[in-house]
N, C-alpha and C. Protein backbone atom coordinates (compact mmCIF):
# COMPACT_ATOMS: atom_id res chain seq x y z
N UNK A 1 -16.47 -1.45 14.72
CA UNK A 1 -17.09 -1.76 15.98
C UNK A 1 -18.51 -1.22 15.94
N UNK A 2 -19.46 -2.05 16.30
CA UNK A 2 -20.87 -1.66 16.32
C UNK A 2 -21.23 -1.21 17.73
N UNK A 3 -21.67 0.04 17.86
CA UNK A 3 -22.04 0.61 19.15
C UNK A 3 -23.48 1.11 19.11
N UNK A 4 -24.01 1.48 20.25
CA UNK A 4 -25.39 1.91 20.38
C UNK A 4 -25.49 3.44 20.39
N UNK A 5 -26.51 3.96 19.73
CA UNK A 5 -26.80 5.40 19.77
C UNK A 5 -28.23 5.58 20.26
N UNK A 6 -28.40 6.43 21.26
CA UNK A 6 -29.72 6.80 21.76
C UNK A 6 -29.92 8.27 21.44
N UNK A 7 -30.96 8.58 20.68
CA UNK A 7 -31.25 9.97 20.31
C UNK A 7 -32.53 10.41 20.99
N UNK A 8 -32.45 11.56 21.67
CA UNK A 8 -33.58 12.09 22.42
C UNK A 8 -33.88 13.49 21.87
N UNK A 9 -35.13 13.75 21.47
CA UNK A 9 -35.45 15.10 21.01
C UNK A 9 -35.19 16.11 22.12
N UNK A 10 -34.52 17.20 21.78
CA UNK A 10 -34.20 18.25 22.76
C UNK A 10 -35.34 19.26 22.81
N UNK A 11 -35.62 19.78 23.99
CA UNK A 11 -36.71 20.75 24.17
C UNK A 11 -36.54 21.97 23.28
N UNK A 12 -35.29 22.41 23.08
CA UNK A 12 -35.03 23.60 22.28
C UNK A 12 -34.90 23.30 20.79
N UNK A 13 -35.12 22.06 20.39
CA UNK A 13 -34.99 21.62 19.00
C UNK A 13 -33.75 20.79 18.82
N UNK A 14 -33.72 20.00 17.78
CA UNK A 14 -32.59 19.12 17.52
C UNK A 14 -32.65 17.88 18.40
N UNK A 15 -31.49 17.24 18.57
CA UNK A 15 -31.42 15.98 19.28
C UNK A 15 -30.19 15.93 20.17
N UNK A 16 -30.34 15.29 21.32
CA UNK A 16 -29.21 14.91 22.16
C UNK A 16 -28.91 13.46 21.81
N UNK A 17 -27.64 13.15 21.61
CA UNK A 17 -27.23 11.80 21.24
C UNK A 17 -26.30 11.24 22.30
N UNK A 18 -26.54 9.99 22.70
CA UNK A 18 -25.78 9.33 23.76
C UNK A 18 -25.31 7.96 23.30
N UNK A 19 -24.06 7.64 23.62
CA UNK A 19 -23.54 6.29 23.42
C UNK A 19 -23.36 5.67 24.81
N UNK A 20 -24.23 4.71 25.20
CA UNK A 20 -24.16 4.17 26.55
C UNK A 20 -22.91 3.35 26.84
N UNK A 21 -22.29 2.75 25.83
CA UNK A 21 -21.09 1.95 26.07
C UNK A 21 -19.91 2.80 26.56
N UNK A 22 -19.82 4.04 26.07
CA UNK A 22 -18.70 4.90 26.44
C UNK A 22 -19.12 6.09 27.30
N UNK A 23 -20.41 6.41 27.28
CA UNK A 23 -20.88 7.58 28.02
C UNK A 23 -20.74 8.88 27.25
N UNK A 24 -20.33 8.82 25.99
CA UNK A 24 -20.19 10.05 25.22
C UNK A 24 -21.57 10.61 24.89
N UNK A 25 -21.67 11.93 24.98
CA UNK A 25 -22.93 12.64 24.72
C UNK A 25 -22.62 13.85 23.84
N UNK A 26 -23.51 14.11 22.88
CA UNK A 26 -23.36 15.28 22.03
C UNK A 26 -24.75 15.69 21.56
N UNK A 27 -24.80 16.59 20.60
CA UNK A 27 -26.09 17.04 20.09
C UNK A 27 -25.97 17.41 18.63
N UNK A 28 -27.11 17.62 17.99
CA UNK A 28 -27.15 18.04 16.60
C UNK A 28 -28.52 18.56 16.25
N UNK A 29 -28.60 19.37 15.21
CA UNK A 29 -29.88 19.94 14.78
C UNK A 29 -30.76 18.92 14.08
N UNK A 30 -30.17 17.86 13.53
CA UNK A 30 -30.92 16.79 12.86
C UNK A 30 -30.40 15.44 13.36
N UNK A 31 -31.14 14.39 13.05
CA UNK A 31 -30.68 13.04 13.42
C UNK A 31 -29.31 12.77 12.81
N UNK A 32 -29.16 13.10 11.54
CA UNK A 32 -27.89 12.85 10.85
C UNK A 32 -26.74 13.60 11.50
N UNK A 33 -26.96 14.89 11.83
CA UNK A 33 -25.91 15.68 12.46
C UNK A 33 -25.58 15.15 13.86
N UNK A 34 -26.60 14.77 14.61
CA UNK A 34 -26.37 14.22 15.95
C UNK A 34 -25.56 12.93 15.87
N UNK A 35 -25.89 12.06 14.92
CA UNK A 35 -25.14 10.81 14.76
C UNK A 35 -23.70 11.07 14.30
N UNK A 36 -23.51 12.01 13.39
CA UNK A 36 -22.16 12.36 12.95
C UNK A 36 -21.33 12.87 14.11
N UNK A 37 -21.92 13.76 14.92
CA UNK A 37 -21.21 14.30 16.08
C UNK A 37 -20.92 13.22 17.11
N UNK A 38 -21.87 12.30 17.31
CA UNK A 38 -21.67 11.21 18.26
C UNK A 38 -20.56 10.28 17.79
N UNK A 39 -20.55 9.98 16.50
CA UNK A 39 -19.49 9.12 15.95
C UNK A 39 -18.12 9.76 16.18
N UNK A 40 -18.02 11.05 15.89
CA UNK A 40 -16.74 11.74 16.05
C UNK A 40 -16.30 11.77 17.52
N UNK A 41 -17.21 12.13 18.42
CA UNK A 41 -16.83 12.21 19.83
C UNK A 41 -16.50 10.84 20.40
N UNK A 42 -17.20 9.80 19.95
CA UNK A 42 -16.93 8.45 20.43
C UNK A 42 -15.60 7.94 19.90
N UNK A 43 -15.28 8.22 18.64
CA UNK A 43 -13.97 7.83 18.10
C UNK A 43 -12.84 8.50 18.87
N UNK A 44 -12.99 9.78 19.18
CA UNK A 44 -11.97 10.48 19.96
C UNK A 44 -11.83 9.88 21.36
N UNK A 45 -12.95 9.56 21.98
CA UNK A 45 -12.93 8.93 23.30
C UNK A 45 -12.20 7.59 23.25
N UNK A 46 -12.52 6.78 22.24
CA UNK A 46 -11.92 5.45 22.13
C UNK A 46 -10.42 5.48 21.83
N UNK A 47 -9.94 6.55 21.20
CA UNK A 47 -8.50 6.70 21.00
C UNK A 47 -7.78 6.76 22.34
N UNK A 48 -8.41 7.39 23.31
CA UNK A 48 -7.81 7.58 24.63
C UNK A 48 -8.16 6.44 25.59
N UNK A 49 -9.38 5.92 25.47
CA UNK A 49 -9.88 4.89 26.40
C UNK A 49 -10.50 3.73 25.63
N UNK A 50 -9.68 2.83 25.08
CA UNK A 50 -10.23 1.72 24.30
C UNK A 50 -11.10 0.81 25.17
N UNK A 51 -12.12 0.24 24.55
CA UNK A 51 -12.98 -0.71 25.25
C UNK A 51 -13.02 -2.02 24.48
N UNK A 52 -13.35 -3.08 25.20
CA UNK A 52 -13.55 -4.38 24.58
C UNK A 52 -15.03 -4.72 24.77
N UNK A 53 -15.73 -4.92 23.67
CA UNK A 53 -17.14 -5.26 23.78
C UNK A 53 -17.29 -6.76 23.90
N UNK A 54 -18.31 -7.17 24.61
CA UNK A 54 -18.56 -8.60 24.79
C UNK A 54 -19.98 -8.93 24.33
N UNK A 55 -20.19 -8.85 23.03
CA UNK A 55 -21.51 -9.14 22.48
C UNK A 55 -22.27 -7.87 22.15
N UNK A 56 -23.41 -8.07 21.55
CA UNK A 56 -24.25 -6.96 21.14
C UNK A 56 -25.19 -6.56 22.27
N UNK A 57 -25.43 -5.26 22.46
CA UNK A 57 -26.35 -4.83 23.50
C UNK A 57 -27.80 -5.16 23.12
N UNK A 58 -28.61 -5.35 24.12
CA UNK A 58 -30.05 -5.51 23.92
C UNK A 58 -30.69 -4.18 24.29
N UNK A 59 -31.35 -3.57 23.32
CA UNK A 59 -32.01 -2.29 23.55
C UNK A 59 -33.51 -2.52 23.47
N UNK A 60 -34.22 -2.05 24.48
CA UNK A 60 -35.67 -2.22 24.53
C UNK A 60 -36.29 -1.01 25.21
N UNK A 61 -37.58 -1.01 25.34
CA UNK A 61 -38.29 0.05 26.04
C UNK A 61 -39.17 -0.58 27.11
N UNK A 62 -39.63 0.24 28.05
CA UNK A 62 -40.56 -0.24 29.06
C UNK A 62 -41.45 0.92 29.49
N UNK A 63 -42.60 0.59 30.06
CA UNK A 63 -43.56 1.61 30.49
C UNK A 63 -43.60 1.65 32.02
N UNK A 64 -43.88 2.83 32.54
CA UNK A 64 -44.10 3.01 33.97
C UNK A 64 -45.42 3.73 34.16
N UNK A 65 -46.07 3.46 35.29
CA UNK A 65 -47.32 4.14 35.61
C UNK A 65 -47.00 5.55 36.09
N UNK A 66 -47.74 6.52 35.62
CA UNK A 66 -47.57 7.91 36.02
C UNK A 66 -48.87 8.37 36.65
N UNK A 67 -48.80 8.80 37.89
CA UNK A 67 -49.99 9.31 38.58
C UNK A 67 -50.07 10.82 38.38
N UNK A 68 -51.06 11.22 37.63
CA UNK A 68 -51.21 12.65 37.33
C UNK A 68 -52.01 13.37 38.37
């Protein structure tokens, strides 16, 4: 099953990793560790709460105006 991973640099170092399809969140000191931890936590979640995907997600970015 192909799922989405969003990695956000953490203020204290490392990365926070999120899977939006399941809501699982974890962290790791490196991208590789964060992805490994996310894969493990998502697999455990799916054992308990299976999901059916309906196509591939579209992931993009957007900008907002910030008034400083």
